[in-house]
Amino acid sequence: MRTDRLYLRDIVDATEAIERFLADAPEERFLLSELQQSALLKMNQNEFVEQKVTYILETDDGIVIIENVPARVSVQTGERLFAPEVVEQLQEMIWRKAQPKRVVQTPVYEFAA
């Protein structure tokens, strides 16, 4: 099983890769690249709104729930984007294992196909 640190690192790496993908191309090359144009078009068609969300992560110690996390949320798909500084703060909260605001108990079900 991969560690939680790797999952959060994947999020940051993917965000940085998308930024480089769209930012590194000179205008002439961008205008000739259908791939980059379609990526930008897709991003522009997907409207995002600022919201506070609940971030849930399964760790070796159990499930961690962090409420009121600022995110940009896609109106069409529900995809959530987190700013790099928010990801860093989430990592710190999870690794530090600080005293939680409250503890919840929840039932767990097995999916039967």
Protein backbone atom coordinates (compact mmCIF):
# COMPACT_ATOMS: atom_id res chain seq x y z
CA MET A 1 0.00 0.00 0.00
CA ARG A 2 1.29 3.44 -0.90
CA THR A 3 1.77 5.94 1.87
CA ASP A 4 -0.51 8.93 2.31
CA ARG A 5 2.46 11.20 1.70
CA LEU A 6 2.78 9.79 -1.84
CA TYR A 7 -0.90 10.38 -2.63
CA LEU A 8 -0.64 14.03 -1.58
CA ARG A 9 2.65 14.36 -3.50
CA ASP A 10 0.84 12.99 -6.61
CA ILE A 11 -1.73 15.78 -6.31
CA VAL A 12 0.95 18.46 -6.12
CA ASP A 13 2.97 16.90 -8.96
CA ALA A 14 -0.08 16.66 -11.23
CA THR A 15 -0.99 20.28 -10.58
CA GLU A 16 2.54 21.44 -11.38
CA ALA A 17 2.64 19.28 -14.55
CA ILE A 18 -0.57 20.81 -15.87
CA GLU A 19 0.76 24.30 -15.16
CA ARG A 20 4.00 23.53 -17.05
CA PHE A 21 2.05 21.87 -19.88
CA LEU A 22 0.11 25.05 -20.55
CA ALA A 23 2.70 27.66 -19.54
CA ASP A 24 5.95 26.50 -21.19
CA ALA A 25 4.85 26.77 -24.80
CA PRO A 26 5.55 29.92 -26.80
CA GLU A 27 2.41 31.44 -28.30
CA GLU A 28 3.23 30.23 -31.83
CA ARG A 29 3.71 26.64 -30.70
CA PHE A 30 0.59 26.81 -28.54
CA LEU A 31 -1.46 27.99 -31.53
CA LEU A 32 -0.18 25.01 -33.56
CA SER A 33 -0.79 22.45 -30.81
CA GLU A 34 -4.27 20.95 -30.87
CA LEU A 35 -3.50 19.05 -27.67
CA GLN A 36 -2.68 22.18 -25.69
CA GLN A 37 -5.60 24.10 -27.15
CA SER A 38 -8.05 21.31 -26.30
CA ALA A 39 -6.64 21.09 -22.75
CA LEU A 40 -7.12 24.83 -22.28
CA LEU A 41 -10.58 24.71 -23.84
CA LYS A 42 -11.55 21.84 -21.53
CA MET A 43 -10.33 23.80 -18.52
CA ASN A 44 -12.26 26.91 -19.62
CA GLN A 45 -15.46 24.95 -20.21
CA ASN A 46 -15.32 23.48 -16.73
CA GLU A 47 -16.50 26.27 -14.43
CA PHE A 48 -15.05 26.17 -10.92
CA VAL A 49 -16.41 27.84 -7.79
CA GLU A 50 -14.69 28.49 -4.48
CA GLN A 51 -16.15 26.29 -1.73
CA LYS A 52 -15.31 24.82 1.64
CA VAL A 53 -15.24 21.01 1.38
CA THR A 54 -14.69 18.04 3.65
CA TYR A 55 -11.43 16.18 2.93
CA ILE A 56 -11.48 12.47 3.84
CA LEU A 57 -8.36 10.30 3.82
CA GLU A 58 -7.86 6.67 4.81
CA THR A 59 -4.56 6.15 6.62
CA ASP A 60 -2.95 3.19 8.37
CA ASP A 61 -4.30 4.63 11.64
CA GLY A 62 -7.89 4.96 10.37
CA ILE A 63 -9.94 7.55 8.55
CA VAL A 64 -9.08 11.24 8.87
CA ILE A 65 -11.77 13.85 8.22
CA ILE A 66 -10.83 17.50 7.79
CA GLU A 67 -13.72 19.93 7.47
CA ASN A 68 -13.93 23.40 5.90
CA VAL A 69 -11.03 22.95 3.50
CA PRO A 70 -10.91 25.70 0.83
CA ALA A 71 -11.10 24.27 -2.70
CA ARG A 72 -12.11 25.14 -6.24
CA VAL A 73 -14.95 22.77 -7.16
CA SER A 74 -16.09 22.01 -10.72
CA VAL A 75 -19.75 22.86 -11.23
CA GLN A 76 -20.06 20.13 -13.88
CA THR A 77 -18.06 17.25 -12.40
CA GLY A 78 -17.55 17.99 -8.70
CA GLU A 79 -13.78 17.70 -9.21
CA ARG A 80 -11.94 19.46 -6.39
CA LEU A 81 -8.73 21.44 -6.86
CA PHE A 82 -6.62 22.46 -3.89
CA ALA A 83 -4.05 25.26 -3.83
CA PRO A 84 -0.49 24.08 -3.08
CA GLU A 85 -0.46 25.86 0.29
CA VAL A 86 -3.71 24.09 1.23
CA VAL A 87 -2.18 20.71 0.32
CA GLU A 88 0.84 21.52 2.49
CA GLN A 89 -1.43 22.43 5.39
CA LEU A 90 -3.43 19.20 4.95
CA GLN A 91 -0.21 17.18 4.98
CA GLU A 92 0.95 18.91 8.16
CA MET A 93 -2.38 18.30 9.92
CA ILE A 94 -2.36 14.59 8.99
CA TRP A 95 1.29 13.93 9.85
CA ARG A 96 1.17 15.89 13.12
CA LYS A 97 -1.81 13.85 14.39
CA ALA A 98 -3.06 16.76 16.48
CA GLN A 99 -5.98 16.45 18.87
CA PRO A 100 -9.15 16.42 16.70
CA LYS A 101 -12.03 18.85 17.19
CA ARG A 102 -14.34 15.86 17.61
CA VAL A 103 -14.39 12.10 16.93
CA VAL A 104 -17.12 10.41 14.89
CA GLN A 105 -18.20 6.80 14.81
CA THR A 106 -19.63 5.46 11.57
CA PRO A 107 -20.86 2.10 10.29
CA VAL A 108 -18.88 0.25 7.60
CA TYR A 109 -20.62 -1.89 4.98
CA GLU A 110 -19.30 -4.47 2.54
CA PHE A 111 -20.47 -4.04 -1.05
CA ALA A 112 -22.06 -7.26 -2.28
CA ALA A 113 -22.09 -7.61 -6.06
